[in-house]
């Protein structure tokens, strides 16, 4: 156990707090209880603690949930527990998030990384240390004045050579009151997401980042994802997912809201799969659900890793809903043909078809011409002229009204297209009356 200061009480660090399992047996002879701490699959520590310490651990569990942005049932009760267990006197808070390199071999012990940071910070500030996993810890630091953050940053920069490497420190923004501690943690995680590939210790200050708090993912993009899933267009779906994540990252979207973005993308896939009646147990694993269906301040700041997992999830959906071995382009052409057949009379043009499918008119027109040998606009006019022929032969309606009925309101355009397809005018075609014409739809 680390030594405690009078103004605060550091928690026991033998295992990640969020992994504690409350397995205990009260002793009748002494006011003690045995608690089993289960951390990583390779570590476990058995500690003898006072019963008051045991309740302190439950508080730590709630605090971990709170800084991740998970709303607690009764905040006033939780705030009272914070006053009891943290014993802070200042009204301002800032979170310093320490992250080790997860790819380092061999992996360092959590204590070797966080102990130097703890001892450095605790010399000047009351703080509380929460280890989140073997690579990530958060230090909740209490300030009497907002401007004390500069003193904190100066201390870290002055003693940076004494800190283990590689280690990244994300400094959150100063927040007033316990209720906004989770925001400072999210700020610190947002700063960590900006780190580059470096072997040295880095201090990343969220005050230097223009953080945004609006997720850029709307209905039109969701519709495009659903349509790419529907036509099994893997390449364009993967490009679109990458573009959505890239655009939000470049806007310096907060860590909390980046997790909301991934949850929204995950939900799009889940809804698509549910509407098709796919077996949801096969669609996503519990691990993927925990990682992606989660709007709290998840500990992963490698958004490329999350994006990779999301892409695998969408690929699995395409595999499960694939009914035959047709190419995505063939599926797309069939959807275009079906839509044109049912909507040719609604003043149809390529942009309208594209809007319905959630794709660009240029993309659809290119695929259609490549697969069929004729342009999309020619296919639309063919449907319109074929139906006008039926009306000319089986009704007494005048030519202009027939043009409007098939979606060509302009008389000159209707005549021009009819002559282009049939070689004669609509009136001449009616008089000629061929022996067989397909029935009207």
Protein backbone atom coordinates (compact mmCIF):
# COMPACT_ATOMS: atom_id res chain seq x y z
CA UNK A 1 0.00 0.00 0.00
CA UNK A 2 1.25 3.45 -0.88
CA UNK A 3 1.73 5.89 1.94
CA UNK A 4 -1.21 8.20 2.53
CA UNK A 5 -1.16 11.95 3.03
CA UNK A 6 -3.20 13.74 5.65
CA UNK A 7 -5.36 15.48 3.07
CA UNK A 8 -6.25 12.41 1.08
CA UNK A 9 -6.30 8.66 1.13
CA UNK A 10 -4.72 6.78 -1.77
CA UNK A 11 -6.31 3.51 -2.66
CA UNK A 12 -4.68 0.06 -2.59
CA UNK A 13 -3.22 -0.67 -6.03
CA UNK A 14 -2.63 -4.43 -6.12
CA UNK A 15 -5.20 -4.89 -8.90
CA UNK A 16 -7.34 -2.83 -11.27
CA UNK A 17 -10.20 -1.35 -9.29
CA UNK A 18 -12.89 -2.13 -11.82
CA UNK A 19 -12.07 -5.83 -11.65
CA UNK A 20 -12.58 -6.26 -7.89
CA UNK A 21 -14.95 -9.03 -6.91
CA UNK A 22 -16.49 -8.60 -3.45
CA UNK A 23 -15.88 -12.09 -2.10
CA UNK A 24 -15.48 -11.83 1.64
CA UNK A 25 -16.12 -13.65 4.93
CA UNK A 26 -16.56 -11.63 8.12
CA UNK A 27 -14.53 -12.87 11.05
CA UNK A 28 -16.29 -13.29 14.42
CA UNK A 29 -13.19 -12.79 16.52
CA UNK A 30 -11.99 -9.55 14.90
CA UNK A 31 -13.58 -6.78 12.86
CA UNK A 32 -11.75 -7.88 9.74
CA UNK A 33 -12.83 -9.33 6.43
CA UNK A 34 -11.00 -11.22 3.70
CA UNK A 35 -11.29 -9.68 0.26
CA UNK A 36 -10.21 -11.30 -2.97
CA UNK A 37 -8.86 -8.85 -5.56
CA UNK A 38 -8.95 -10.29 -9.07
CA UNK A 39 -7.10 -8.24 -11.65
CA UNK A 40 -5.61 -9.53 -14.87
CA UNK A 41 -5.86 -13.28 -15.60
CA UNK A 42 -2.35 -13.66 -14.14
CA UNK A 43 -2.61 -11.67 -10.92
CA UNK A 44 -4.58 -12.01 -7.71
CA UNK A 45 -3.94 -10.62 -4.26
CA UNK A 46 -5.57 -11.59 -0.99
CA UNK A 47 -5.66 -8.80 1.54
CA UNK A 48 -6.83 -8.49 5.10
CA UNK A 49 -8.65 -5.19 5.53
CA UNK A 50 -10.75 -3.39 8.08
CA UNK A 51 -14.46 -3.40 7.23
CA UNK A 52 -14.26 0.37 6.68
CA UNK A 53 -11.58 -0.26 4.04
CA UNK A 54 -13.90 -2.72 2.36
CA UNK A 55 -16.60 -0.04 1.99
CA UNK A 56 -13.90 2.27 0.64
CA UNK A 57 -13.36 -0.22 -2.17
CA UNK A 58 -17.02 -0.07 -3.09
CA UNK A 59 -16.71 3.69 -3.25
CA UNK A 60 -13.71 3.30 -5.57
CA UNK A 61 -15.78 1.08 -7.86
CA UNK A 62 -18.50 3.74 -8.05
CA UNK A 63 -15.91 6.45 -8.66
CA UNK A 64 -14.52 4.51 -11.63
CA UNK A 65 -18.01 4.30 -13.12
CA UNK A 66 -18.60 7.98 -12.49
CA UNK A 67 -15.45 9.26 -14.20
CA UNK A 68 -16.39 7.16 -17.22
CA UNK A 69 -19.52 9.27 -17.52
CA UNK A 70 -21.97 6.66 -16.24
CA UNK A 71 -24.82 8.38 -14.39
CA UNK A 72 -25.26 7.19 -10.82
CA UNK A 73 -28.67 6.75 -9.22
CA UNK A 74 -28.39 9.34 -6.45
CA UNK A 75 -25.61 11.83 -7.05
CA UNK A 76 -26.11 13.60 -3.72
CA UNK A 77 -25.34 10.36 -1.84
CA UNK A 78 -22.32 9.76 -4.04
CA UNK A 79 -21.12 13.34 -3.50
CA UNK A 80 -21.34 12.79 0.26
CA UNK A 81 -19.25 9.61 -0.08
CA UNK A 82 -16.70 11.63 -2.06
CA UNK A 83 -16.40 14.11 0.81
CA UNK A 84 -15.89 11.26 3.27
CA UNK A 85 -13.39 9.20 1.30
CA UNK A 86 -11.50 11.86 -0.66
CA UNK A 87 -11.37 14.50 2.06
CA UNK A 88 -10.56 17.22 -0.46
CA UNK A 89 -10.77 20.89 0.57
CA UNK A 90 -10.46 22.70 -2.78
CA UNK A 91 -13.39 23.23 -5.12
CA UNK A 92 -11.53 22.67 -8.40
CA UNK A 93 -10.48 19.37 -9.94
CA UNK A 94 -8.30 18.22 -12.79
CA UNK A 95 -7.62 14.70 -14.02
CA UNK A 96 -4.20 13.52 -15.14
CA UNK A 97 -4.52 10.31 -17.16
CA UNK A 98 -1.36 8.22 -17.41
CA UNK A 99 -1.11 5.72 -20.26
CA UNK A 100 1.72 3.29 -20.93
CA UNK A 101 2.60 1.90 -24.35
CA UNK A 102 0.48 -1.25 -24.69
CA UNK A 103 2.76 -2.64 -27.40
CA UNK A 104 5.90 -2.47 -25.30
CA UNK A 105 7.68 -5.79 -24.81
CA UNK A 106 8.00 -6.96 -22.14
CA UNK A 107 5.05 -5.07 -20.65
CA UNK A 108 6.00 -2.96 -17.61
CA UNK A 109 4.40 -3.53 -14.24
CA UNK A 110 1.60 -1.04 -13.48
CA UNK A 111 3.30 0.11 -10.28
CA UNK A 112 6.59 0.86 -12.01
CA UNK A 113 4.75 3.26 -14.29
CA UNK A 114 2.38 5.01 -11.92
CA UNK A 115 4.38 5.17 -8.67
CA UNK A 116 6.80 7.88 -9.95
CA UNK A 117 3.87 9.96 -11.20
CA UNK A 118 2.03 9.54 -7.91
CA UNK A 119 4.99 10.57 -5.78
CA UNK A 120 5.74 13.54 -8.02
CA UNK A 121 2.20 14.89 -7.96
CA UNK A 122 1.46 14.15 -4.30
CA UNK A 123 4.30 16.42 -3.14
CA UNK A 124 2.28 19.52 -4.01
CA UNK A 125 -1.34 18.47 -4.47
CA UNK A 126 -3.99 16.37 -2.72
CA UNK A 127 -4.93 13.59 -5.12
CA UNK A 128 -6.64 10.25 -5.50
CA UNK A 129 -5.28 7.49 -7.69
CA UNK A 130 -7.50 5.11 -9.65
CA UNK A 131 -5.76 2.38 -11.68
CA UNK A 132 -8.11 1.40 -14.53
CA UNK A 133 -6.07 -1.41 -16.06
CA UNK A 134 -2.44 -2.47 -16.45
CA UNK A 135 -1.77 0.36 -18.91
CA UNK A 136 -4.00 3.19 -17.75
CA UNK A 137 -4.39 5.14 -14.52
CA UNK A 138 -6.13 8.36 -13.60
CA UNK A 139 -5.06 10.81 -10.91
CA UNK A 140 -7.86 13.03 -9.60
CA UNK A 141 -6.09 16.17 -8.40
CA UNK A 142 -7.69 18.72 -6.09
CA UNK A 143 -6.92 22.41 -6.66
CA UNK A 144 -7.79 25.40 -4.49
CA UNK A 145 -7.64 27.76 -7.46
CA UNK A 146 -8.15 27.22 -11.16
CA UNK A 147 -4.77 28.75 -11.99
CA UNK A 148 -2.96 26.06 -9.98
CA UNK A 149 -3.08 23.82 -13.04
CA UNK A 150 -0.13 25.72 -14.49
CA UNK A 151 1.87 24.89 -11.38
CA UNK A 152 0.93 21.24 -11.87
CA UNK A 153 2.00 21.30 -15.51
CA UNK A 154 5.26 23.09 -14.69
CA UNK A 155 6.07 20.44 -12.09
CA UNK A 156 5.50 17.61 -14.58
CA UNK A 157 7.58 19.27 -17.30
CA UNK A 158 10.40 20.06 -14.86
CA UNK A 159 10.60 16.45 -13.67
CA UNK A 160 9.77 14.71 -16.92
CA UNK A 161 13.18 13.06 -17.09
CA UNK A 162 12.42 11.19 -13.85
CA UNK A 163 9.31 9.55 -15.27
CA UNK A 164 9.35 6.09 -16.91
CA UNK A 165 9.34 5.89 -20.70
CA UNK A 166 7.38 5.58 -22.84
CA UNK A 167 4.59 7.11 -20.76
CA UNK A 168 1.94 9.57 -21.92
CA UNK A 169 0.17 11.99 -19.57
CA UNK A 170 -3.12 13.53 -20.65
CA UNK A 171 -4.08 16.62 -18.64
CA UNK A 172 -7.80 17.38 -18.49
CA UNK A 173 -9.28 20.82 -18.18
CA UNK A 174 -9.93 22.27 -14.74
CA UNK A 175 -13.50 21.62 -13.63
CA UNK A 176 -15.39 23.13 -10.73
CA UNK A 177 -17.20 20.75 -8.40
CA UNK A 178 -17.33 16.97 -8.16
CA UNK A 179 -20.11 16.71 -10.73
CA UNK A 180 -17.78 17.52 -13.64
CA UNK A 181 -14.80 15.32 -12.76
CA UNK A 182 -15.80 12.92 -15.54
CA UNK A 183 -15.48 15.76 -18.06
CA UNK A 184 -11.89 16.41 -16.99
CA UNK A 185 -11.15 12.70 -17.40
CA UNK A 186 -12.71 12.78 -20.89
CA UNK A 187 -10.56 15.85 -21.69
CA UNK A 188 -7.44 13.98 -20.61
CA UNK A 189 -8.38 10.97 -22.73
CA UNK A 190 -9.04 13.27 -25.68
CA UNK A 191 -5.54 14.71 -25.27
CA UNK A 192 -4.05 11.20 -25.15
CA UNK A 193 -5.72 10.40 -28.47
CA UNK A 194 -3.60 13.17 -30.02
CA UNK A 195 -0.30 11.56 -29.08
CA UNK A 196 2.12 10.72 -31.84
CA UNK A 197 4.53 7.82 -32.19
CA UNK A 198 7.33 8.74 -29.82
CA UNK A 199 9.58 6.87 -27.44
CA UNK A 200 9.79 9.73 -24.96
CA UNK A 201 7.47 10.74 -22.18
CA UNK A 202 4.86 13.18 -23.43
CA UNK A 203 2.62 15.62 -21.58
CA UNK A 204 -0.50 16.41 -23.58
CA UNK A 205 -2.63 19.30 -22.34
CA UNK A 206 -6.29 19.38 -23.38
CA UNK A 207 -6.29 23.17 -22.94
CA UNK A 208 -4.22 23.34 -26.13
CA UNK A 209 -6.82 21.40 -28.15
CA UNK A 210 -9.97 22.92 -29.60
CA UNK A 211 -12.20 20.06 -28.42
CA UNK A 212 -15.64 19.72 -30.04
CA UNK A 213 -18.70 18.03 -28.57
CA UNK A 214 -20.95 17.36 -31.58
CA UNK A 215 -20.87 13.97 -33.33
CA UNK A 216 -20.82 14.35 -37.10
CA UNK A 217 -22.89 11.37 -38.22
CA UNK A 218 -26.29 12.03 -39.74
CA UNK A 219 -29.21 10.36 -41.45
CA UNK A 220 -27.73 10.60 -44.95
CA UNK A 221 -24.53 8.82 -43.91
CA UNK A 222 -26.49 6.14 -42.06
CA UNK A 223 -28.60 5.58 -45.17
CA UNK A 224 -25.46 5.19 -47.28
CA UNK A 225 -24.10 2.59 -44.85
CA UNK A 226 -27.38 0.64 -44.98
CA UNK A 227 -27.41 0.72 -48.78
CA UNK A 228 -23.79 -0.40 -49.04
CA UNK A 229 -24.70 -3.27 -46.70
CA UNK A 230 -27.73 -4.06 -48.83
CA UNK A 231 -25.76 -4.29 -52.08
CA UNK A 232 -22.80 -5.91 -50.32
CA UNK A 233 -20.41 -3.20 -51.49
CA UNK A 234 -17.57 -3.89 -49.07
CA UNK A 235 -15.04 -1.49 -50.54
CA UNK A 236 -17.24 1.58 -50.42
CA UNK A 237 -18.63 0.66 -46.99
CA UNK A 238 -15.13 0.39 -45.50
CA UNK A 239 -14.11 3.68 -47.12
CA UNK A 240 -17.21 5.39 -45.73
CA UNK A 241 -16.62 4.12 -42.17
CA UNK A 242 -13.02 5.28 -42.36
CA UNK A 243 -14.10 8.70 -43.65
CA UNK A 244 -16.70 9.19 -40.89
CA UNK A 245 -14.19 8.38 -38.14
CA UNK A 246 -11.45 10.48 -39.77
CA UNK A 247 -13.68 13.54 -40.08
CA UNK A 248 -14.73 13.38 -36.42
CA UNK A 249 -11.17 12.88 -35.24
CA UNK A 250 -9.94 15.83 -37.27
CA UNK A 251 -12.56 18.00 -35.55
CA UNK A 252 -10.96 16.97 -32.20
CA UNK A 253 -14.19 15.38 -31.02
CA UNK A 254 -14.10 14.67 -27.30
CA UNK A 255 -13.22 11.16 -26.15
CA UNK A 256 -16.69 10.72 -24.66
CA UNK A 257 -18.33 11.71 -27.94
CA UNK A 258 -15.99 9.54 -30.02
CA UNK A 259 -17.35 6.59 -28.04
CA UNK A 260 -20.87 7.83 -28.77
CA UNK A 261 -19.98 7.88 -32.49
CA UNK A 262 -18.79 4.26 -32.42
CA UNK A 263 -21.97 3.28 -30.56
CA UNK A 264 -24.13 4.98 -33.19
CA UNK A 265 -22.27 3.21 -36.02
CA UNK A 266 -22.62 -0.10 -34.19
CA UNK A 267 -26.36 0.53 -33.71
CA UNK A 268 -26.76 1.13 -37.45
CA UNK A 269 -25.40 -2.36 -38.14
CA UNK A 270 -27.52 -3.92 -35.38
CA UNK A 271 -30.74 -2.35 -36.72
CA UNK A 272 -29.94 -3.48 -40.27
CA UNK A 273 -29.31 -7.04 -39.09
CA UNK A 274 -32.47 -7.07 -36.96
CA UNK A 275 -34.65 -5.87 -39.85
CA UNK A 276 -33.34 -8.74 -41.98
CA UNK A 277 -34.10 -11.21 -39.20
CA UNK A 278 -30.49 -12.34 -38.83
CA UNK A 279 -29.48 -14.45 -35.84
CA UNK A 280 -28.29 -11.74 -33.44
CA UNK A 281 -26.09 -14.20 -31.57
CA UNK A 282 -24.08 -14.61 -34.76
CA UNK A 283 -24.06 -10.91 -35.64
CA UNK A 284 -21.87 -9.70 -32.76
CA UNK A 285 -19.93 -11.17 -29.88
CA UNK A 286 -20.35 -10.12 -26.24
CA UNK A 287 -16.86 -8.61 -26.42
CA UNK A 288 -17.81 -6.46 -29.42
CA UNK A 289 -21.01 -5.37 -27.70
CA UNK A 290 -19.10 -4.37 -24.57
CA UNK A 291 -16.55 -2.44 -26.60
CA UNK A 292 -18.76 -0.81 -29.24
CA UNK A 293 -22.21 -0.63 -27.63
CA UNK A 294 -20.85 1.60 -24.91
CA UNK A 295 -21.07 5.38 -24.62
CA UNK A 296 -19.05 5.72 -21.43
CA UNK A 297 -15.47 6.98 -21.39
CA UNK A 298 -13.98 3.70 -22.56
CA UNK A 299 -10.31 3.23 -21.81
CA UNK A 300 -9.30 2.67 -25.44
CA UNK A 301 -7.88 5.78 -27.07
CA UNK A 302 -6.63 3.95 -30.15
CA UNK A 303 -9.59 4.74 -32.37
CA UNK A 304 -7.99 2.90 -35.29
CA UNK A 305 -8.24 -0.26 -33.20
CA UNK A 306 -11.92 0.38 -32.56
CA UNK A 307 -12.48 1.14 -36.23
CA UNK A 308 -10.86 -2.17 -37.16
CA UNK A 309 -13.22 -4.03 -34.82
CA UNK A 310 -16.19 -2.13 -36.27
CA UNK A 311 -15.18 -3.09 -39.81
CA UNK A 312 -14.99 -6.77 -38.84
CA UNK A 313 -18.48 -6.45 -37.35
CA UNK A 314 -19.90 -5.00 -40.59
CA UNK A 315 -18.11 -7.62 -42.71
CA UNK A 316 -19.75 -10.33 -40.61
CA UNK A 317 -23.18 -8.82 -41.26
CA UNK A 318 -22.54 -8.83 -45.02
CA UNK A 319 -21.44 -12.46 -44.83
CA UNK A 320 -24.54 -13.50 -42.87
CA UNK A 321 -27.02 -11.71 -45.15
CA UNK A 322 -25.45 -12.77 -48.42
CA UNK A 323 -28.01 -14.94 -50.20
CA UNK A 324 -26.00 -15.77 -53.30
CA UNK A 325 -22.62 -15.24 -54.87
CA UNK A 326 -23.54 -12.26 -57.03
CA UNK A 327 -21.18 -9.33 -57.11
CA UNK A 328 -22.24 -6.16 -55.23
CA UNK A 329 -22.53 -4.32 -58.58
CA UNK A 330 -25.08 -6.85 -59.82
CA UNK A 331 -27.15 -6.46 -56.68
CA UNK A 332 -27.04 -2.68 -57.08
CA UNK A 333 -28.21 -2.85 -60.69
CA UNK A 334 -31.16 -5.03 -59.68
CA UNK A 335 -32.18 -2.51 -57.03
CA UNK A 336 -31.94 0.32 -59.58
CA UNK A 337 -34.02 -1.60 -62.12
CA UNK A 338 -36.71 -2.37 -59.51
CA UNK A 339 -36.88 1.24 -58.37
CA UNK A 340 -37.11 2.61 -61.93
CA UNK A 341 -39.85 0.12 -62.82
CA UNK A 342 -41.95 1.25 -59.86
CA UNK A 343 -41.25 4.99 -60.07
CA UNK A 344 -40.64 5.91 -63.75
CA UNK A 345 -43.85 8.01 -63.79
CA UNK A 346 -42.62 10.32 -60.94
CA UNK A 347 -40.49 12.65 -63.06
CA UNK A 348 -37.57 10.29 -62.47
CA UNK A 349 -33.92 11.10 -63.14
CA UNK A 350 -30.58 9.62 -61.92
CA UNK A 351 -30.28 11.99 -58.95
CA UNK A 352 -33.61 10.78 -57.59
CA UNK A 353 -32.55 7.15 -57.91
CA UNK A 354 -29.28 7.95 -56.16
CA UNK A 355 -31.06 9.77 -53.32
CA UNK A 356 -33.31 6.75 -52.73
CA UNK A 357 -30.33 4.39 -52.54
CA UNK A 358 -28.21 6.77 -50.49
CA UNK A 359 -25.42 6.76 -53.08
CA UNK A 360 -24.06 9.35 -55.51
CA UNK A 361 -25.64 9.69 -58.97
CA UNK A 362 -22.18 9.51 -60.55
CA UNK A 363 -21.39 6.23 -58.79
CA UNK A 364 -24.74 4.60 -59.67
CA UNK A 365 -24.59 5.75 -63.28
CA UNK A 366 -21.06 4.38 -63.67
CA UNK A 367 -21.95 0.98 -62.21
CA UNK A 368 -25.16 0.73 -64.22
CA UNK A 369 -23.46 1.54 -67.54
CA UNK A 370 -20.60 -0.84 -66.73
CA UNK A 371 -22.97 -3.73 -65.95
CA UNK A 372 -25.70 -3.22 -68.58
CA UNK A 373 -24.02 -1.40 -71.44
CA UNK A 374 -26.61 1.40 -71.44
CA UNK A 375 -26.77 4.60 -69.44
CA UNK A 376 -29.12 4.95 -66.47
CA UNK A 377 -30.89 7.92 -68.06
CA UNK A 378 -31.51 5.85 -71.22
CA UNK A 379 -32.91 3.02 -69.11
CA UNK A 380 -35.32 5.43 -67.39
CA UNK A 381 -36.52 6.86 -70.72
CA UNK A 382 -36.92 3.32 -72.10
CA UNK A 383 -39.28 2.44 -69.25
CA UNK A 384 -41.23 5.64 -69.82
CA UNK A 385 -41.55 5.18 -73.60
CA UNK A 386 -42.52 1.50 -73.28
CA UNK A 387 -45.36 2.39 -70.94
CA UNK A 388 -46.45 5.31 -73.16
CA UNK A 389 -46.75 2.88 -76.11
CA UNK A 390 -49.15 0.78 -74.09
CA UNK A 391 -51.27 3.82 -73.23
CA UNK A 392 -51.25 5.03 -76.83
CA UNK A 393 -52.64 1.70 -78.07
CA UNK A 394 -55.09 0.86 -75.29
CA UNK A 395 -56.53 4.25 -74.27
CA UNK A 396 -58.04 7.27 -75.96
CA UNK A 397 -56.03 9.78 -73.93
CA UNK A 398 -54.32 12.58 -75.86
CA UNK A 399 -50.58 12.43 -76.44
CA UNK A 400 -49.67 15.27 -74.06
CA UNK A 401 -51.54 13.66 -71.14
CA UNK A 402 -49.85 10.33 -71.81
CA UNK A 403 -46.46 12.04 -71.68
CA UNK A 404 -47.29 13.47 -68.27
CA UNK A 405 -48.57 10.11 -67.03
CA UNK A 406 -45.24 8.42 -67.76
CA UNK A 407 -43.24 11.17 -66.04
CA UNK A 408 -42.37 13.42 -69.01
CA UNK A 409 -44.27 16.64 -68.48
CA UNK A 410 -42.63 18.57 -71.31
CA UNK A 411 -44.36 17.88 -74.65
CA UNK A 412 -41.26 18.56 -76.76
CA UNK A 413 -39.12 16.26 -74.62
CA UNK A 414 -41.71 13.47 -74.83
CA UNK A 415 -41.89 13.71 -78.63
CA UNK A 416 -38.09 13.84 -78.92
CA UNK A 417 -37.58 10.75 -76.75
CA UNK A 418 -40.37 8.82 -78.47
CA UNK A 419 -38.87 9.44 -81.89
CA UNK A 420 -35.43 8.53 -80.57
CA UNK A 421 -36.68 5.13 -79.34
CA UNK A 422 -39.31 4.25 -82.01
CA UNK A 423 -38.30 6.24 -85.06
CA UNK A 424 -41.78 7.79 -85.42
CA UNK A 425 -43.93 10.25 -83.46
CA UNK A 426 -46.41 9.13 -80.79
CA UNK A 427 -49.39 10.01 -83.03
CA UNK A 428 -47.96 8.05 -85.95
CA UNK A 429 -47.31 5.10 -83.66
CA UNK A 430 -50.96 5.12 -82.51
CA UNK A 431 -52.18 5.15 -86.10
CA UNK A 432 -49.81 2.38 -87.12
CA UNK A 433 -51.22 0.11 -84.41
CA UNK A 434 -48.81 -2.88 -84.43
CA UNK A 435 -50.41 -6.32 -84.09
CA UNK A 436 -48.95 -7.03 -80.62
CA UNK A 437 -48.08 -4.78 -77.80
CA UNK A 438 -47.47 -5.91 -74.25
CA UNK A 439 -50.25 -5.11 -71.78
CA UNK A 440 -50.26 -1.94 -69.70
CA UNK A 441 -49.10 -2.14 -66.11
